[in-house]
Amino acid sequence: MMRLVIIMIFLISVLFGSGCKDAEIEGGFTAVDVKIPEVVKSVDLLKKDLAVKHPDVKVLRAVSAESQIVAGQKLVIKCEYLSDTNDKPKILRAYIFITLESKYTVEKVEF
């Protein structure tokens, strides 16, 4: 009987979890506010990077961001942008890596 109770408690805890992981996103990424300093600095870097690589693209603002802590920090930021080919804002996804020494790198941009 005791064994059955333990198994049922285990199954319930696995199925329902602790309920305190609302902001977590599958894959270890967690939603973060677009106003935190890391996101603001990353968007500034992205604007400079795109000005060189894609001068027709103008980033307007970050609309969402996700963070994953590894040996540094990975950010995935969705931003609204305009370009010469579209007159309405579209969404791009930028992948930024921040080293432990606080060096920011644009790893990839998906339009």
C-alpha atoms as a PDB file:
ATOM      1  CA  MET A   1       0.000   0.000   0.000  1.00  0.00           C
ATOM      2  CA  MET A   2       2.772   2.445   0.940  1.00  0.00           C
ATOM      3  CA  ARG A   3       4.552   1.649  -2.318  1.00  0.00           C
ATOM      4  CA  LEU A   4       1.421   2.509  -4.290  1.00  0.00           C
ATOM      5  CA  VAL A   5       1.076   5.855  -2.477  1.00  0.00           C
ATOM      6  CA  ILE A   6       4.710   6.733  -3.241  1.00  0.00           C
ATOM      7  CA  ILE A   7       4.273   5.840  -6.910  1.00  0.00           C
ATOM      8  CA  MET A   8       1.104   7.952  -7.126  1.00  0.00           C
ATOM      9  CA  ILE A   9       2.823  10.952  -5.488  1.00  0.00           C
ATOM     10  CA  PHE A  10       5.721  10.608  -7.914  1.00  0.00           C
ATOM     11  CA  LEU A  11       3.408  10.443 -10.938  1.00  0.00           C
ATOM     12  CA  ILE A  12       1.421  13.462  -9.788  1.00  0.00           C
ATOM     13  CA  SER A  13       4.585  15.497  -9.236  1.00  0.00           C
ATOM     14  CA  VAL A  14       5.903  14.557 -12.681  1.00  0.00           C
ATOM     15  CA  LEU A  15       2.620  15.307 -14.440  1.00  0.00           C
ATOM     16  CA  PHE A  16       1.836  18.594 -12.724  1.00  0.00           C
ATOM     17  CA  GLY A  17       5.296  19.888 -11.764  1.00  0.00           C
ATOM     18  CA  SER A  18       5.830  22.601  -9.210  1.00  0.00           C
ATOM     19  CA  GLY A  19       3.901  25.249 -11.141  1.00  0.00           C
ATOM     20  CA  CYS A  20       6.652  27.852 -10.782  1.00  0.00           C
ATOM     21  CA  LYS A  21       8.143  27.554 -14.261  1.00  0.00           C
ATOM     22  CA  ASP A  22       5.678  29.819 -16.072  1.00  0.00           C
ATOM     23  CA  ALA A  23       8.323  32.032 -17.717  1.00  0.00           C
ATOM     24  CA  GLU A  24      10.533  29.173 -18.892  1.00  0.00           C
ATOM     25  CA  ILE A  25      10.575  28.207 -22.533  1.00  0.00           C
ATOM     26  CA  GLU A  26      11.440  24.751 -23.826  1.00  0.00           C
ATOM     27  CA  GLY A  27      15.160  24.215 -24.380  1.00  0.00           C
ATOM     28  CA  GLY A  28      16.363  26.098 -21.333  1.00  0.00           C
ATOM     29  CA  PHE A  29      15.469  29.571 -22.608  1.00  0.00           C
ATOM     30  CA  THR A  30      13.613  31.950 -20.302  1.00  0.00           C
ATOM     31  CA  ALA A  31      11.564  34.957 -21.370  1.00  0.00           C
ATOM     32  CA  VAL A  32      13.170  38.249 -20.306  1.00  0.00           C
ATOM     33  CA  ASP A  33      12.042  41.879 -20.407  1.00  0.00           C
ATOM     34  CA  VAL A  34      13.181  43.745 -23.529  1.00  0.00           C
ATOM     35  CA  LYS A  35      14.218  46.644 -21.291  1.00  0.00           C
ATOM     36  CA  ILE A  36      16.962  44.812 -19.392  1.00  0.00           C
ATOM     37  CA  PRO A  37      20.440  46.222 -20.103  1.00  0.00           C
ATOM     38  CA  GLU A  38      21.657  43.111 -21.951  1.00  0.00           C
ATOM     39  CA  VAL A  39      18.792  43.282 -24.462  1.00  0.00           C
ATOM     40  CA  VAL A  40      19.100  47.055 -24.929  1.00  0.00           C
ATOM     41  CA  LYS A  41      22.847  46.761 -25.575  1.00  0.00           C
ATOM     42  CA  SER A  42      22.269  43.793 -27.910  1.00  0.00           C
ATOM     43  CA  VAL A  43      19.726  45.724 -29.973  1.00  0.00           C
ATOM     44  CA  ASP A  44      22.176  48.638 -30.258  1.00  0.00           C
ATOM     45  CA  LEU A  45      24.851  46.200 -31.490  1.00  0.00           C
ATOM     46  CA  LEU A  46      22.356  44.638 -33.904  1.00  0.00           C
ATOM     47  CA  LYS A  47      21.512  48.050 -35.381  1.00  0.00           C
ATOM     48  CA  LYS A  48      25.215  48.763 -35.999  1.00  0.00           C
ATOM     49  CA  ASP A  49      25.797  45.291 -37.456  1.00  0.00           C
ATOM     50  CA  LEU A  50      22.819  45.550 -39.812  1.00  0.00           C
ATOM     51  CA  ALA A  51      23.812  49.077 -40.903  1.00  0.00           C
ATOM     52  CA  VAL A  52      26.956  47.515 -42.386  1.00  0.00           C
ATOM     53  CA  LYS A  53      25.613  44.169 -43.638  1.00  0.00           C
ATOM     54  CA  HIS A  54      22.068  45.213 -44.625  1.00  0.00           C
ATOM     55  CA  PRO A  55      21.935  49.018 -44.988  1.00  0.00           C
ATOM     56  CA  ASP A  56      18.355  48.843 -46.280  1.00  0.00           C
ATOM     57  CA  VAL A  57      17.123  47.419 -42.944  1.00  0.00           C
ATOM     58  CA  LYS A  58      16.144  49.656 -40.051  1.00  0.00           C
ATOM     59  CA  VAL A  59      15.417  48.018 -36.690  1.00  0.00           C
ATOM     60  CA  LEU A  60      12.575  49.770 -34.895  1.00  0.00           C
ATOM     61  CA  ARG A  61      12.345  48.038 -31.511  1.00  0.00           C
ATOM     62  CA  ALA A  62      12.643  44.759 -29.643  1.00  0.00           C
ATOM     63  CA  VAL A  63       9.286  43.061 -29.156  1.00  0.00           C
ATOM     64  CA  SER A  64      10.390  39.994 -27.153  1.00  0.00           C
ATOM     65  CA  ALA A  65      13.535  38.368 -25.824  1.00  0.00           C
ATOM     66  CA  GLU A  66      14.625  35.007 -24.443  1.00  0.00           C
ATOM     67  CA  SER A  67      17.785  34.221 -22.501  1.00  0.00           C
ATOM     68  CA  GLN A  68      19.776  31.064 -21.831  1.00  0.00           C
ATOM     69  CA  ILE A  69      22.679  31.011 -19.400  1.00  0.00           C
ATOM     70  CA  VAL A  70      25.558  28.848 -20.629  1.00  0.00           C
ATOM     71  CA  ALA A  71      29.286  29.656 -20.474  1.00  0.00           C
ATOM     72  CA  GLY A  72      28.099  33.202 -21.022  1.00  0.00           C
ATOM     73  CA  GLN A  73      24.608  34.191 -22.106  1.00  0.00           C
ATOM     74  CA  LYS A  74      22.637  33.509 -25.279  1.00  0.00           C
ATOM     75  CA  LEU A  75      19.887  35.923 -26.254  1.00  0.00           C
ATOM     76  CA  VAL A  76      17.258  35.423 -28.922  1.00  0.00           C
ATOM     77  CA  ILE A  77      15.603  38.760 -29.642  1.00  0.00           C
ATOM     78  CA  LYS A  78      12.628  39.381 -31.912  1.00  0.00           C
ATOM     79  CA  CYS A  79      12.630  42.899 -33.370  1.00  0.00           C
ATOM     80  CA  GLU A  80      10.355  44.864 -35.644  1.00  0.00           C
ATOM     81  CA  TYR A  81      12.123  46.217 -38.710  1.00  0.00           C
ATOM     82  CA  LEU A  82      11.497  48.137 -41.914  1.00  0.00           C
ATOM     83  CA  SER A  83      13.402  47.784 -45.179  1.00  0.00           C
ATOM     84  CA  ASP A  84      13.340  49.163 -48.695  1.00  0.00           C
ATOM     85  CA  THR A  85      11.179  46.208 -49.754  1.00  0.00           C
ATOM     86  CA  ASN A  86       8.437  46.509 -47.123  1.00  0.00           C
ATOM     87  CA  ASP A  87       6.495  49.505 -45.856  1.00  0.00           C
ATOM     88  CA  LYS A  88       4.936  47.732 -42.855  1.00  0.00           C
ATOM     89  CA  PRO A  89       7.019  46.470 -39.911  1.00  0.00           C
ATOM     90  CA  LYS A  90       8.121  42.850 -40.096  1.00  0.00           C
ATOM     91  CA  ILE A  91       9.784  40.657 -37.463  1.00  0.00           C
ATOM     92  CA  LEU A  92      13.383  39.463 -37.467  1.00  0.00           C
ATOM     93  CA  ARG A  93      15.045  37.131 -34.982  1.00  0.00           C
ATOM     94  CA  ALA A  94      18.582  37.961 -33.806  1.00  0.00           C
ATOM     95  CA  TYR A  95      20.871  35.540 -31.968  1.00  0.00           C
ATOM     96  CA  ILE A  96      23.343  37.326 -29.684  1.00  0.00           C
ATOM     97  CA  PHE A  97      26.048  35.768 -27.512  1.00  0.00           C
ATOM     98  CA  ILE A  98      27.522  37.540 -24.492  1.00  0.00           C
ATOM     99  CA  THR A  99      30.780  36.098 -23.150  1.00  0.00           C
ATOM    100  CA  LEU A 100      31.674  35.934 -19.484  1.00  0.00           C
ATOM    101  CA  GLU A 101      33.857  38.991 -20.169  1.00  0.00           C
ATOM    102  CA  SER A 102      30.749  40.891 -21.448  1.00  0.00           C
ATOM    103  CA  LYS A 103      31.751  40.826 -25.129  1.00  0.00           C
ATOM    104  CA  TYR A 104      28.651  40.929 -27.363  1.00  0.00           C
ATOM    105  CA  THR A 105      28.535  39.099 -30.714  1.00  0.00           C
ATOM    106  CA  VAL A 106      25.739  38.908 -33.293  1.00  0.00           C
ATOM    107  CA  GLU A 107      25.775  35.213 -34.213  1.00  0.00           C
ATOM    108  CA  LYS A 108      22.901  35.099 -36.686  1.00  0.00           C
ATOM    109  CA  VAL A 109      19.954  37.133 -37.948  1.00  0.00           C
ATOM    110  CA  GLU A 110      16.857  35.532 -39.476  1.00  0.00           C
ATOM    111  CA  PHE A 111      14.545  37.688 -41.549  1.00  0.00           C
END
